[in-house]
Amino acid sequence: MNSKVFMGLRVVLGLFVLVFGLNKFLNFMPMGDMPADAGAYFGALVNSKTLTLVALVEIAAGLALIFNKFGALLALILMSVSVNAVLFHATLAPESIPGALVLLVLNIAVLYGYKDKYKTLLS
């Protein structure tokens, strides 16, 4: 992958997750109405402080990707957030799945860009 393209994808993904991670603490982007089941699940995540952990992972991953420090590691960890976001939206709130799909595609592209870092891990 071209290094400038990879850098662009890495920074876009970093900004994407940084903004959404910060939003979980600062609430600067209002959430729309959710279906009842999605709201109940989301409420359980908030009450159990799981959403706080997800926000911290997103903020750490965003900063790591933007500054290219431990980006390969945090891109792997962020993949669990990406897959869970897609599954949440696919099953509980399908009308709002495009953002989660963009997150997943960007995450896969960045993982592909870091493929050389994973060679020793996979051999």
PDB file of N, CA and C in Angstrom:
ATOM      1  N   MET A   1       0.855  -1.175   0.000  1.00  0.00           N
ATOM      2  CA  MET A   1       0.000   0.000   0.000  1.00  0.00           C
ATOM      3  C   MET A   1       0.900   1.238   0.000  1.00  0.00           C
ATOM      4  N   ASN A   2       0.530   2.211  -0.790  1.00  0.00           N
ATOM      5  CA  ASN A   2       1.258   3.467  -0.858  1.00  0.00           C
ATOM      6  C   ASN A   2       1.323   4.092   0.538  1.00  0.00           C
ATOM      7  N   SER A   3       2.497   4.580   0.922  1.00  0.00           N
ATOM      8  CA  SER A   3       2.662   5.099   2.281  1.00  0.00           C
ATOM      9  C   SER A   3       1.802   6.331   2.544  1.00  0.00           C
ATOM     10  N   LYS A   4       1.590   7.165   1.531  1.00  0.00           N
ATOM     11  CA  LYS A   4       0.751   8.350   1.735  1.00  0.00           C
ATOM     12  C   LYS A   4      -0.724   7.967   1.868  1.00  0.00           C
ATOM     13  N   VAL A   5      -1.156   6.975   1.116  1.00  0.00           N
ATOM     14  CA  VAL A   5      -2.535   6.487   1.227  1.00  0.00           C
ATOM     15  C   VAL A   5      -2.727   5.868   2.610  1.00  0.00           C
ATOM     16  N   PHE A   6      -1.763   5.047   3.026  1.00  0.00           N
ATOM     17  CA  PHE A   6      -1.857   4.424   4.342  1.00  0.00           C
ATOM     18  C   PHE A   6      -1.886   5.474   5.439  1.00  0.00           C
ATOM     19  N   MET A   7      -1.026   6.482   5.332  1.00  0.00           N
ATOM     20  CA  MET A   7      -1.010   7.536   6.342  1.00  0.00           C
ATOM     21  C   MET A   7      -2.368   8.245   6.384  1.00  0.00           C
ATOM     22  N   GLY A   8      -2.945   8.517   5.219  1.00  0.00           N
ATOM     23  CA  GLY A   8      -4.252   9.160   5.179  1.00  0.00           C
ATOM     24  C   GLY A   8      -5.334   8.310   5.823  1.00  0.00           C
ATOM     25  N   LEU A   9      -5.363   7.018   5.495  1.00  0.00           N
ATOM     26  CA  LEU A   9      -6.347   6.112   6.098  1.00  0.00           C
ATOM     27  C   LEU A   9      -6.154   6.009   7.602  1.00  0.00           C
ATOM     28  N   ARG A  10      -4.900   5.928   8.021  1.00  0.00           N
ATOM     29  CA  ARG A  10      -4.576   5.811   9.443  1.00  0.00           C
ATOM     30  C   ARG A  10      -5.046   7.044  10.214  1.00  0.00           C
ATOM     31  N   VAL A  11      -4.796   8.222   9.657  1.00  0.00           N
ATOM     32  CA  VAL A  11      -5.197   9.461  10.332  1.00  0.00           C
ATOM     33  C   VAL A  11      -6.718   9.614  10.324  1.00  0.00           C
ATOM     34  N   VAL A  12      -7.360   9.273   9.216  1.00  0.00           N
ATOM     35  CA  VAL A  12      -8.832   9.363   9.160  1.00  0.00           C
ATOM     36  C   VAL A  12      -9.454   8.421  10.195  1.00  0.00           C
ATOM     37  N   LEU A  13      -8.963   7.176  10.257  1.00  0.00           N
ATOM     38  CA  LEU A  13      -9.479   6.243  11.268  1.00  0.00           C
ATOM     39  C   LEU A  13      -9.202   6.769  12.668  1.00  0.00           C
ATOM     40  N   GLY A  14      -8.008   7.293  12.880  1.00  0.00           N
ATOM     41  CA  GLY A  14      -7.663   7.842  14.194  1.00  0.00           C
ATOM     42  C   GLY A  14      -8.591   8.975  14.602  1.00  0.00           C
ATOM     43  N   LEU A  15      -8.831   9.896  13.688  1.00  0.00           N
ATOM     44  CA  LEU A  15      -9.739  11.014  13.991  1.00  0.00           C
ATOM     45  C   LEU A  15     -11.166  10.522  14.218  1.00  0.00           C
ATOM     46  N   PHE A  16     -11.587   9.559  13.403  1.00  0.00           N
ATOM     47  CA  PHE A  16     -12.936   8.986  13.513  1.00  0.00           C
ATOM     48  C   PHE A  16     -13.160   8.424  14.914  1.00  0.00           C
ATOM     49  N   VAL A  17     -12.269   7.559  15.364  1.00  0.00           N
ATOM     50  CA  VAL A  17     -12.480   6.930  16.675  1.00  0.00           C
ATOM     51  C   VAL A  17     -12.191   7.900  17.827  1.00  0.00           C
ATOM     52  N   LEU A  18     -11.273   8.838  17.621  1.00  0.00           N
ATOM     53  CA  LEU A  18     -11.012   9.830  18.660  1.00  0.00           C
ATOM     54  C   LEU A  18     -12.243  10.693  18.902  1.00  0.00           C
ATOM     55  N   VAL A  19     -12.873  11.150  17.829  1.00  0.00           N
ATOM     56  CA  VAL A  19     -14.071  11.989  17.961  1.00  0.00           C
ATOM     57  C   VAL A  19     -15.201  11.219  18.643  1.00  0.00           C
ATOM     58  N   PHE A  20     -15.435   9.967  18.210  1.00  0.00           N
ATOM     59  CA  PHE A  20     -16.522   9.200  18.811  1.00  0.00           C
ATOM     60  C   PHE A  20     -16.205   8.774  20.239  1.00  0.00           C
ATOM     61  N   GLY A  21     -14.925   8.552  20.540  1.00  0.00           N
ATOM     62  CA  GLY A  21     -14.541   8.247  21.919  1.00  0.00           C
ATOM     63  C   GLY A  21     -14.752   9.447  22.829  1.00  0.00           C
ATOM     64  N   LEU A  22     -14.325  10.618  22.372  1.00  0.00           N
ATOM     65  CA  LEU A  22     -14.518  11.839  23.164  1.00  0.00           C
ATOM     66  C   LEU A  22     -15.996  12.170  23.317  1.00  0.00           C
ATOM     67  N   ASN A  23     -16.786  11.879  22.281  1.00  0.00           N
ATOM     68  CA  ASN A  23     -18.221  12.147  22.349  1.00  0.00           C
ATOM     69  C   ASN A  23     -18.896  11.357  23.472  1.00  0.00           C
ATOM     70  N   LYS A  24     -18.375  10.186  23.779  1.00  0.00           N
ATOM     71  CA  LYS A  24     -18.974   9.380  24.853  1.00  0.00           C
ATOM     72  C   LYS A  24     -18.809  10.061  26.215  1.00  0.00           C
ATOM     73  N   PHE A  25     -17.811  10.930  26.344  1.00  0.00           N
ATOM     74  CA  PHE A  25     -17.616  11.676  27.586  1.00  0.00           C
ATOM     75  C   PHE A  25     -18.229  13.074  27.521  1.00  0.00           C
ATOM     76  N   LEU A  26     -18.110  13.753  26.379  1.00  0.00           N
ATOM     77  CA  LEU A  26     -18.480  15.158  26.284  1.00  0.00           C
ATOM     78  C   LEU A  26     -19.857  15.399  25.663  1.00  0.00           C
ATOM     79  N   ASN A  27     -20.432  14.396  25.009  1.00  0.00           N
ATOM     80  CA  ASN A  27     -21.775  14.475  24.417  1.00  0.00           C
ATOM     81  C   ASN A  27     -21.971  15.696  23.521  1.00  0.00           C
ATOM     82  N   PHE A  28     -21.047  15.966  22.614  1.00  0.00           N
ATOM     83  CA  PHE A  28     -21.184  17.097  21.700  1.00  0.00           C
ATOM     84  C   PHE A  28     -21.932  16.730  20.423  1.00  0.00           C
ATOM     85  N   MET A  29     -22.159  15.433  20.178  1.00  0.00           N
ATOM     86  CA  MET A  29     -22.985  14.978  19.054  1.00  0.00           C
ATOM     87  C   MET A  29     -24.178  14.231  19.638  1.00  0.00           C
ATOM     88  N   PRO A  30     -25.367  14.818  19.524  1.00  0.00           N
ATOM     89  CA  PRO A  30     -26.531  14.153  20.130  1.00  0.00           C
ATOM     90  C   PRO A  30     -26.859  12.844  19.415  1.00  0.00           C
ATOM     91  N   MET A  31     -27.272  11.858  20.213  1.00  0.00           N
ATOM     92  CA  MET A  31     -27.711  10.583  19.643  1.00  0.00           C
ATOM     93  C   MET A  31     -29.184  10.694  19.287  1.00  0.00           C
ATOM     94  N   GLY A  32     -29.536  10.109  18.169  1.00  0.00           N
ATOM     95  CA  GLY A  32     -30.937  10.091  17.767  1.00  0.00           C
ATOM     96  C   GLY A  32     -31.698   9.040  18.567  1.00  0.00           C
ATOM     97  N   ASP A  33     -32.967   8.921  18.256  1.00  0.00           N
ATOM     98  CA  ASP A  33     -33.792   7.909  18.901  1.00  0.00           C
ATOM     99  C   ASP A  33     -33.355   6.525  18.452  1.00  0.00           C
ATOM    100  N   MET A  34     -33.353   5.592  19.398  1.00  0.00           N
ATOM    101  CA  MET A  34     -32.991   4.211  19.109  1.00  0.00           C
ATOM    102  C   MET A  34     -34.211   3.330  19.301  1.00  0.00           C
ATOM    103  N   PRO A  35     -34.228   2.208  18.599  1.00  0.00           N
ATOM    104  CA  PRO A  35     -35.274   1.220  18.890  1.00  0.00           C
ATOM    105  C   PRO A  35     -35.179   0.784  20.359  1.00  0.00           C
ATOM    106  N   ALA A  36     -36.274   0.276  20.898  1.00  0.00           N
ATOM    107  CA  ALA A  36     -36.338  -0.076  22.327  1.00  0.00           C
ATOM    108  C   ALA A  36     -35.254  -1.077  22.728  1.00  0.00           C
ATOM    109  N   ASP A  37     -35.061  -2.117  21.939  1.00  0.00           N
ATOM    110  CA  ASP A  37     -34.046  -3.123  22.282  1.00  0.00           C
ATOM    111  C   ASP A  37     -32.643  -2.527  22.262  1.00  0.00           C
ATOM    112  N   ALA A  38     -32.363  -1.682  21.273  1.00  0.00           N
ATOM    113  CA  ALA A  38     -31.052  -1.039  21.187  1.00  0.00           C
ATOM    114  C   ALA A  38     -30.845  -0.118  22.379  1.00  0.00           C
ATOM    115  N   GLY A  39     -31.885   0.613  22.766  1.00  0.00           N
ATOM    116  CA  GLY A  39     -31.784   1.499  23.924  1.00  0.00           C
ATOM    117  C   GLY A  39     -31.541   0.737  25.211  1.00  0.00           C
ATOM    118  N   ALA A  40     -32.196  -0.413  25.366  1.00  0.00           N
ATOM    119  CA  ALA A  40     -31.998  -1.237  26.563  1.00  0.00           C
ATOM    120  C   ALA A  40     -30.566  -1.766  26.614  1.00  0.00           C
ATOM    121  N   TYR A  41     -30.064  -2.232  25.480  1.00  0.00           N
ATOM    122  CA  TYR A  41     -28.684  -2.747  25.421  1.00  0.00           C
ATOM    123  C   TYR A  41     -27.695  -1.628  25.698  1.00  0.00           C
ATOM    124  N   PHE A  42     -27.916  -0.473  25.061  1.00  0.00           N
ATOM    125  CA  PHE A  42     -27.028   0.669  25.252  1.00  0.00           C
ATOM    126  C   PHE A  42     -27.057   1.127  26.714  1.00  0.00           C
ATOM    127  N   GLY A  43     -28.244   1.117  27.326  1.00  0.00           N
ATOM    128  CA  GLY A  43     -28.365   1.471  28.741  1.00  0.00           C
ATOM    129  C   GLY A  43     -27.592   0.524  29.634  1.00  0.00           C
ATOM    130  N   ALA A  44     -27.622  -0.763  29.305  1.00  0.00           N
ATOM    131  CA  ALA A  44     -26.850  -1.746  30.076  1.00  0.00           C
ATOM    132  C   ALA A  44     -25.350  -1.486  29.940  1.00  0.00           C
ATOM    133  N   LEU A  45     -24.900  -1.107  28.741  1.00  0.00           N
ATOM    134  CA  LEU A  45     -23.483  -0.789  28.546  1.00  0.00           C
ATOM    135  C   LEU A  45     -23.069   0.432  29.369  1.00  0.00           C
ATOM    136  N   VAL A  46     -23.951   1.415  29.424  1.00  0.00           N
ATOM    137  CA  VAL A  46     -23.658   2.616  30.208  1.00  0.00           C
ATOM    138  C   VAL A  46     -23.633   2.288  31.700  1.00  0.00           C
ATOM    139  N   ASN A  47     -24.639   1.568  32.176  1.00  0.00           N
ATOM    140  CA  ASN A  47     -24.730   1.254  33.604  1.00  0.00           C
ATOM    141  C   ASN A  47     -23.597   0.364  34.095  1.00  0.00           C
ATOM    142  N   SER A  48     -23.097  -0.502  33.238  1.00  0.00           N
ATOM    143  CA  SER A  48     -22.013  -1.401  33.641  1.00  0.00           C
ATOM    144  C   SER A  48     -20.631  -0.780  33.429  1.00  0.00           C
ATOM    145  N   LYS A  49     -20.595   0.464  32.962  1.00  0.00           N
ATOM    146  CA  LYS A  49     -19.343   1.184  32.680  1.00  0.00           C
ATOM    147  C   LYS A  49     -18.557   0.578  31.516  1.00  0.00           C
ATOM    148  N   THR A  50     -19.158  -0.338  30.775  1.00  0.00           N
ATOM    149  CA  THR A  50     -18.499  -0.915  29.609  1.00  0.00           C
ATOM    150  C   THR A  50     -18.290   0.144  28.541  1.00  0.00           C
ATOM    151  N   LEU A  51     -19.245   1.045  28.400  1.00  0.00           N
ATOM    152  CA  LEU A  51     -19.125   2.097  27.398  1.00  0.00           C
ATOM    153  C   LEU A  51     -17.965   3.040  27.730  1.00  0.00           C
ATOM    154  N   THR A  52     -17.683   3.236  29.005  1.00  0.00           N
ATOM    155  CA  THR A  52     -16.531   4.044  29.407  1.00  0.00           C
ATOM    156  C   THR A  52     -15.238   3.379  28.958  1.00  0.00           C
ATOM    157  N   LEU A  53     -15.147   2.075  29.120  1.00  0.00           N
ATOM    158  CA  LEU A  53     -13.968   1.335  28.668  1.00  0.00           C
ATOM    159  C   LEU A  53     -13.831   1.421  27.150  1.00  0.00           C
ATOM    160  N   VAL A  54     -14.925   1.284  26.431  1.00  0.00           N
ATOM    161  CA  VAL A  54     -14.900   1.396  24.969  1.00  0.00           C
ATOM    162  C   VAL A  54     -14.422   2.792  24.567  1.00  0.00           C
ATOM    163  N   ALA A  55     -14.917   3.815  25.254  1.00  0.00           N
ATOM    164  CA  ALA A  55     -14.505   5.188  24.950  1.00  0.00           C
ATOM    165  C   ALA A  55     -13.008   5.367  25.184  1.00  0.00           C
ATOM    166  N   LEU A  56     -12.487   4.820  26.271  1.00  0.00           N
ATOM    167  CA  LEU A  56     -11.057   4.930  26.553  1.00  0.00           C
ATOM    168  C   LEU A  56     -10.226   4.208  25.492  1.00  0.00           C
ATOM    169  N   VAL A  57     -10.688   3.048  25.053  1.00  0.00           N
ATOM    170  CA  VAL A  57      -9.994   2.312  23.982  1.00  0.00           C
ATOM    171  C   VAL A  57     -10.026   3.129  22.696  1.00  0.00           C
ATOM    172  N   GLU A  58     -11.172   3.722  22.375  1.00  0.00           N
ATOM    173  CA  GLU A  58     -11.269   4.526  21.159  1.00  0.00           C
ATOM    174  C   GLU A  58     -10.349   5.735  21.216  1.00  0.00           C
ATOM    175  N   ILE A  59     -10.288   6.400  22.344  1.00  0.00           N
ATOM    176  CA  ILE A  59      -9.414   7.573  22.484  1.00  0.00           C
ATOM    177  C   ILE A  59      -7.949   7.161  22.368  1.00  0.00           C
ATOM    178  N   ALA A  60      -7.569   6.096  23.062  1.00  0.00           N
ATOM    179  CA  ALA A  60      -6.180   5.623  22.988  1.00  0.00           C
ATOM    180  C   ALA A  60      -5.831   5.187  21.571  1.00  0.00           C
ATOM    181  N   ALA A  61      -6.728   4.464  20.916  1.00  0.00           N
ATOM    182  CA  ALA A  61      -6.480   4.010  19.547  1.00  0.00           C
ATOM    183  C   ALA A  61      -6.399   5.193  18.596  1.00  0.00           C
ATOM    184  N   GLY A  62      -7.276   6.149  18.768  1.00  0.00           N
ATOM    185  CA  GLY A  62      -7.255   7.328  17.904  1.00  0.00           C
ATOM    186  C   GLY A  62      -5.945   8.080  18.005  1.00  0.00           C
ATOM    187  N   LEU A  63      -5.492   8.308  19.222  1.00  0.00           N
ATOM    188  CA  LEU A  63      -4.218   9.012  19.413  1.00  0.00           C
ATOM    189  C   LEU A  63      -3.052   8.190  18.878  1.00  0.00           C
ATOM    190  N   ALA A  64      -3.068   6.886  19.113  1.00  0.00           N
ATOM    191  CA  ALA A  64      -1.990   6.015  18.631  1.00  0.00           C
ATOM    192  C   ALA A  64      -1.926   6.024  17.109  1.00  0.00           C
ATOM    193  N   LEU A  65      -3.071   6.002  16.463  1.00  0.00           N
ATOM    194  CA  LEU A  65      -3.088   5.992  15.003  1.00  0.00           C
ATOM    195  C   LEU A  65      -2.690   7.349  14.424  1.00  0.00           C
ATOM    196  N   ILE A  66      -3.143   8.416  15.039  1.00  0.00           N
ATOM    197  CA  ILE A  66      -2.797   9.751  14.546  1.00  0.00           C
ATOM    198  C   ILE A  66      -1.293   9.992  14.667  1.00  0.00           C
ATOM    199  N   PHE A  67      -0.719   9.633  15.816  1.00  0.00           N
ATOM    200  CA  PHE A  67       0.704   9.890  16.054  1.00  0.00           C
ATOM    201  C   PHE A  67       1.599   8.720  15.656  1.00  0.00           C
ATOM    202  N   ASN A  68       1.011   7.642  15.150  1.00  0.00           N
ATOM    203  CA  ASN A  68       1.728   6.457  14.678  1.00  0.00           C
ATOM    204  C   ASN A  68       2.648   5.865  15.753  1.00  0.00           C
ATOM    205  N   LYS A  69       2.175   5.809  16.961  1.00  0.00           N
ATOM    206  CA  LYS A  69       2.878   5.169  18.074  1.00  0.00           C
ATOM    207  C   LYS A  69       2.005   4.023  18.564  1.00  0.00           C
ATOM    208  N   PHE A  70       2.500   2.810  18.454  1.00  0.00           N
ATOM    209  CA  PHE A  70       1.752   1.606  18.825  1.00  0.00           C
ATOM    210  C   PHE A  70       0.477   1.453  18.005  1.00  0.00           C
ATOM    211  N   GLY A  71       0.467   2.027  16.801  1.00  0.00           N
ATOM    212  CA  GLY A  71      -0.706   1.977  15.937  1.00  0.00           C
ATOM    213  C   GLY A  71      -1.090   0.566  15.541  1.00  0.00           C
ATOM    214  N   ALA A  72      -0.096  -0.277  15.265  1.00  0.00           N
ATOM    215  CA  ALA A  72      -0.387  -1.657  14.861  1.00  0.00           C
ATOM    216  C   ALA A  72      -1.101  -2.408  15.981  1.00  0.00           C
ATOM    217  N   LEU A  73      -0.662  -2.209  17.214  1.00  0.00           N
ATOM    218  CA  LEU A  73      -1.291  -2.860  18.363  1.00  0.00           C
ATOM    219  C   LEU A  73      -2.708  -2.341  18.580  1.00  0.00           C
ATOM    220  N   LEU A  74      -2.868  -1.027  18.580  1.00  0.00           N
ATOM    221  CA  LEU A  74      -4.191  -0.463  18.845  1.00  0.00           C
ATOM    222  C   LEU A  74      -5.157  -0.713  17.694  1.00  0.00           C
ATOM    223  N   ALA A  75      -4.661  -0.862  16.469  1.00  0.00           N
ATOM    224  CA  ALA A  75      -5.548  -1.213  15.352  1.00  0.00           C
ATOM    225  C   ALA A  75      -6.121  -2.609  15.559  1.00  0.00           C
ATOM    226  N   LEU A  76      -5.296  -3.526  16.089  1.00  0.00           N
ATOM    227  CA  LEU A  76      -5.803  -4.867  16.408  1.00  0.00           C
ATOM    228  C   LEU A  76      -6.858  -4.818  17.510  1.00  0.00           C
ATOM    229  N   ILE A  77      -6.570  -4.075  18.552  1.00  0.00           N
ATOM    230  CA  ILE A  77      -7.510  -3.964  19.673  1.00  0.00           C
ATOM    231  C   ILE A  77      -8.798  -3.278  19.209  1.00  0.00           C
ATOM    232  N   LEU A  78      -8.656  -2.266  18.351  1.00  0.00           N
ATOM    233  CA  LEU A  78      -9.816  -1.530  17.846  1.00  0.00           C
ATOM    234  C   LEU A  78     -10.716  -2.409  16.976  1.00  0.00           C
ATOM    235  N   MET A  79     -10.160  -3.471  16.423  1.00  0.00           N
ATOM    236  CA  MET A  79     -10.968  -4.365  15.577  1.00  0.00           C
ATOM    237  C   MET A  79     -12.131  -4.956  16.373  1.00  0.00           C
ATOM    238  N   SER A  80     -11.927  -5.250  17.646  1.00  0.00           N
ATOM    239  CA  SER A  80     -13.035  -5.780  18.456  1.00  0.00           C
ATOM    240  C   SER A  80     -14.153  -4.747  18.602  1.00  0.00           C
ATOM    241  N   VAL A  81     -13.787  -3.483  18.730  1.00  0.00           N
ATOM    242  CA  VAL A  81     -14.795  -2.418  18.808  1.00  0.00           C
ATOM    243  C   VAL A  81     -15.527  -2.306  17.472  1.00  0.00           C
ATOM    244  N   SER A  82     -14.781  -2.394  16.369  1.00  0.00           N
ATOM    245  CA  SER A  82     -15.375  -2.277  15.035  1.00  0.00           C
ATOM    246  C   SER A  82     -16.383  -3.394  14.777  1.00  0.00           C
ATOM    247  N   VAL A  83     -15.990  -4.617  15.065  1.00  0.00           N
ATOM    248  CA  VAL A  83     -16.883  -5.764  14.839  1.00  0.00           C
ATOM    249  C   VAL A  83     -18.119  -5.654  15.726  1.00  0.00           C
ATOM    250  N   ASN A  84     -17.938  -5.285  16.983  1.00  0.00           N
ATOM    251  CA  ASN A  84     -19.088  -5.137  17.879  1.00  0.00           C
ATOM    252  C   ASN A  84     -20.015  -4.015  17.435  1.00  0.00           C
ATOM    253  N   ALA A  85     -19.464  -2.931  16.906  1.00  0.00           N
ATOM    254  CA  ALA A  85     -20.307  -1.838  16.413  1.00  0.00           C
ATOM    255  C   ALA A  85     -21.158  -2.313  15.236  1.00  0.00           C
ATOM    256  N   VAL A  86     -20.551  -3.047  14.320  1.00  0.00           N
ATOM    257  CA  VAL A  86     -21.301  -3.554  13.169  1.00  0.00           C
ATOM    258  C   VAL A  86     -22.380  -4.540  13.629  1.00  0.00           C
ATOM    259  N   LEU A  87     -22.028  -5.434  14.534  1.00  0.00           N
ATOM    260  CA  LEU A  87     -23.018  -6.406  15.025  1.00  0.00           C
ATOM    261  C   LEU A  87     -24.160  -5.726  15.773  1.00  0.00           C
ATOM    262  N   PHE A  88     -23.838  -4.728  16.587  1.00  0.00           N
ATOM    263  CA  PHE A  88     -24.873  -3.977  17.298  1.00  0.00           C
ATOM    264  C   PHE A  88     -25.842  -3.352  16.307  1.00  0.00           C
ATOM    265  N   HIS A  89     -25.298  -2.655  15.310  1.00  0.00           N
ATOM    266  CA  HIS A  89     -26.159  -1.971  14.352  1.00  0.00           C
ATOM    267  C   HIS A  89     -26.891  -2.947  13.437  1.00  0.00           C
ATOM    268  N   ALA A  90     -26.245  -4.032  13.071  1.00  0.00           N
ATOM    269  CA  ALA A  90     -26.892  -5.008  12.184  1.00  0.00           C
ATOM    270  C   ALA A  90     -28.086  -5.677  12.856  1.00  0.00           C
ATOM    271  N   THR A  91     -27.974  -5.911  14.157  1.00  0.00           N
ATOM    272  CA  THR A  91     -29.041  -6.641  14.846  1.00  0.00           C
ATOM    273  C   THR A  91     -30.050  -5.748  15.561  1.00  0.00           C
ATOM    274  N   LEU A  92     -29.603  -4.604  16.089  1.00  0.00           N
ATOM    275  CA  LEU A  92     -30.495  -3.794  16.924  1.00  0.00           C
ATOM    276  C   LEU A  92     -30.875  -2.437  16.334  1.00  0.00           C
ATOM    277  N   ALA A  93     -30.043  -1.889  15.469  1.00  0.00           N
ATOM    278  CA  ALA A  93     -30.326  -0.565  14.899  1.00  0.00           C
ATOM    279  C   ALA A  93     -29.836  -0.499  13.455  1.00  0.00           C
ATOM    280  N   PRO A  94     -30.427  -1.307  12.556  1.00  0.00           N
ATOM    281  CA  PRO A  94     -29.907  -1.393  11.187  1.00  0.00           C
ATOM    282  C   PRO A  94     -29.968  -0.092  10.393  1.00  0.00           C
ATOM    283  N   GLU A  95     -30.843   0.817  10.767  1.00  0.00           N
ATOM    284  CA  GLU A  95     -30.944   2.070  10.018  1.00  0.00           C
ATOM    285  C   GLU A  95     -29.711   2.957  10.202  1.00  0.00           C
ATOM    286  N   SER A  96     -28.920   2.711  11.226  1.00  0.00           N
ATOM    287  CA  SER A  96     -27.737   3.541  11.475  1.00  0.00           C
ATOM    288  C   SER A  96     -26.432   2.760  11.316  1.00  0.00           C
ATOM    289  N   ILE A  97     -26.424   1.768  10.451  1.00  0.00           N
ATOM    290  CA  ILE A  97     -25.236   0.930  10.263  1.00  0.00           C
ATOM    291  C   ILE A  97     -24.130   1.557   9.400  1.00  0.00           C
ATOM    292  N   PRO A  98     -24.396   2.546   8.535  1.00  0.00           N
ATOM    293  CA  PRO A  98     -23.320   3.031   7.660  1.00  0.00           C
ATOM    294  C   PRO A  98     -22.052   3.479   8.391  1.00  0.00           C
ATOM    295  N   GLY A  99     -22.176   4.185   9.497  1.00  0.00           N
ATOM    296  CA  GLY A  99     -20.993   4.629  10.242  1.00  0.00           C
ATOM    297  C   GLY A  99     -20.173   3.470  10.771  1.00  0.00           C
ATOM    298  N   ALA A 100     -20.854   2.444  11.252  1.00  0.00           N
ATOM    299  CA  ALA A 100     -20.157   1.265  11.763  1.00  0.00           C
ATOM    300  C   ALA A 100     -19.445   0.529  10.636  1.00  0.00           C
ATOM    301  N   LEU A 101     -20.061   0.479   9.467  1.00  0.00           N
ATOM    302  CA  LEU A 101     -19.415  -0.170   8.319  1.00  0.00           C
ATOM    303  C   LEU A 101     -18.182   0.604   7.865  1.00  0.00           C
ATOM    304  N   VAL A 102     -18.269   1.929   7.882  1.00  0.00           N
ATOM    305  CA  VAL A 102     -17.104   2.758   7.541  1.00  0.00           C
ATOM    306  C   VAL A 102     -15.978   2.485   8.534  1.00  0.00           C
ATOM    307  N   LEU A 103     -16.310   2.416   9.815  1.00  0.00           N
ATOM    308  CA  LEU A 103     -15.320   2.099  10.841  1.00  0.00           C
ATOM    309  C   LEU A 103     -14.654   0.751  10.561  1.00  0.00           C
ATOM    310  N   LEU A 104     -15.436  -0.260  10.252  1.00  0.00           N
ATOM    311  CA  LEU A 104     -14.899  -1.592   9.995  1.00  0.00           C
ATOM    312  C   LEU A 104     -13.994  -1.602   8.752  1.00  0.00           C
ATOM    313  N   VAL A 105     -14.437  -0.968   7.686  1.00  0.00           N
ATOM    314  CA  VAL A 105     -13.643  -0.935   6.452  1.00  0.00           C
ATOM    315  C   VAL A 105     -12.334  -0.192   6.675  1.00  0.00           C
ATOM    316  N   LEU A 106     -12.382   0.952   7.352  1.00  0.00           N
ATOM    317  CA  LEU A 106     -11.153   1.692   7.661  1.00  0.00           C
ATOM    318  C   LEU A 106     -10.222   0.860   8.532  1.00  0.00           C
ATOM    319  N   ASN A 107     -10.784   0.178   9.511  1.00  0.00           N
ATOM    320  CA  ASN A 107      -9.976  -0.648  10.411  1.00  0.00           C
ATOM    321  C   ASN A 107      -9.285  -1.777   9.639  1.00  0.00           C
ATOM    322  N   ILE A 108     -10.018  -2.425   8.741  1.00  0.00           N
ATOM    323  CA  ILE A 108      -9.431  -3.502   7.931  1.00  0.00           C
ATOM    324  C   ILE A 108      -8.327  -2.941   7.032  1.00  0.00           C
ATOM    325  N   ALA A 109      -8.558  -1.779   6.428  1.00  0.00           N
ATOM    326  CA  ALA A 109      -7.544  -1.171   5.566  1.00  0.00           C
ATOM    327  C   ALA A 109      -6.282  -0.832   6.347  1.00  0.00           C
ATOM    328  N   VAL A 110      -6.443  -0.310   7.551  1.00  0.00           N
ATOM    329  CA  VAL A 110      -5.280   0.031   8.376  1.00  0.00           C
ATOM    330  C   VAL A 110      -4.559  -1.234   8.828  1.00  0.00           C
ATOM    331  N   LEU A 111      -5.302  -2.268   9.198  1.00  0.00           N
ATOM    332  CA  LEU A 111      -4.661  -3.540   9.544  1.00  0.00           C
ATOM    333  C   LEU A 111      -3.852  -4.075   8.367  1.00  0.00           C
ATOM    334  N   TYR A 112      -4.407  -3.953   7.168  1.00  0.00           N
ATOM    335  CA  TYR A 112      -3.682  -4.386   5.975  1.00  0.00           C
ATOM    336  C   TYR A 112      -2.409  -3.551   5.786  1.00  0.00           C
ATOM    337  N   GLY A 113      -2.504  -2.270   6.058  1.00  0.00           N
ATOM    338  CA  GLY A 113      -1.332  -1.398   5.949  1.00  0.00           C
ATOM    339  C   GLY A 113      -0.238  -1.752   6.940  1.00  0.00           C
ATOM    340  N   TYR A 114      -0.617  -2.304   8.066  1.00  0.00           N
ATOM    341  CA  TYR A 114       0.348  -2.714   9.096  1.00  0.00           C
ATOM    342  C   TYR A 114       0.762  -4.178   8.944  1.00  0.00           C
ATOM    343  N   LYS A 115       0.409  -4.821   7.835  1.00  0.00           N
ATOM    344  CA  LYS A 115       0.626  -6.272   7.691  1.00  0.00           C
ATOM    345  C   LYS A 115       2.076  -6.686   7.938  1.00  0.00           C
ATOM    346  N   ASP A 116       3.035  -5.854   7.598  1.00  0.00           N
ATOM    347  CA  ASP A 116       4.440  -6.206   7.827  1.00  0.00           C
ATOM    348  C   ASP A 116       4.761  -6.312   9.316  1.00  0.00           C
ATOM    349  N   LYS A 117       4.071  -5.555  10.133  1.00  0.00           N
ATOM    350  CA  LYS A 117       4.295  -5.614  11.587  1.00  0.00           C
ATOM    351  C   LYS A 117       3.791  -6.914  12.179  1.00  0.00           C
ATOM    352  N   TYR A 118       2.843  -7.568  11.500  1.00  0.00           N
ATOM    353  CA  TYR A 118       2.243  -8.784  12.034  1.00  0.00           C
ATOM    354  C   TYR A 118       2.901 -10.070  11.524  1.00  0.00           C
ATOM    355  N   LYS A 119       3.854  -9.949  10.612  1.00  0.00           N
ATOM    356  CA  LYS A 119       4.462 -11.149  10.016  1.00  0.00           C
ATOM    357  C   LYS A 119       5.080 -12.066  11.061  1.00  0.00           C
ATOM    358  N   THR A 120       5.823 -11.529  12.006  1.00  0.00           N
ATOM    359  CA  THR A 120       6.443 -12.386  13.016  1.00  0.00           C
ATOM    360  C   THR A 120       5.392 -12.982  13.945  1.00  0.00           C
ATOM    361  N   LEU A 121       4.323 -12.255  14.158  1.00  0.00           N
ATOM    362  CA  LEU A 121       3.244 -12.756  15.010  1.00  0.00           C
ATOM    363  C   LEU A 121       2.548 -13.946  14.369  1.00  0.00           C
ATOM    364  N   LEU A 122       2.428 -13.918  13.044  1.00  0.00           N
ATOM    365  CA  LEU A 122       1.689 -14.952  12.341  1.00  0.00           C
ATOM    366  C   LEU A 122       2.550 -16.089  11.786  1.00  0.00           C
ATOM    367  N   SER A 123       3.848 -16.027  11.995  1.00  0.00           N
ATOM    368  CA  SER A 123       4.709 -17.091  11.446  1.00  0.00           C
ATOM    369  C   SER A 123       5.019 -18.155  12.472  1.00  0.00           C
TER     370      SER A 123
END
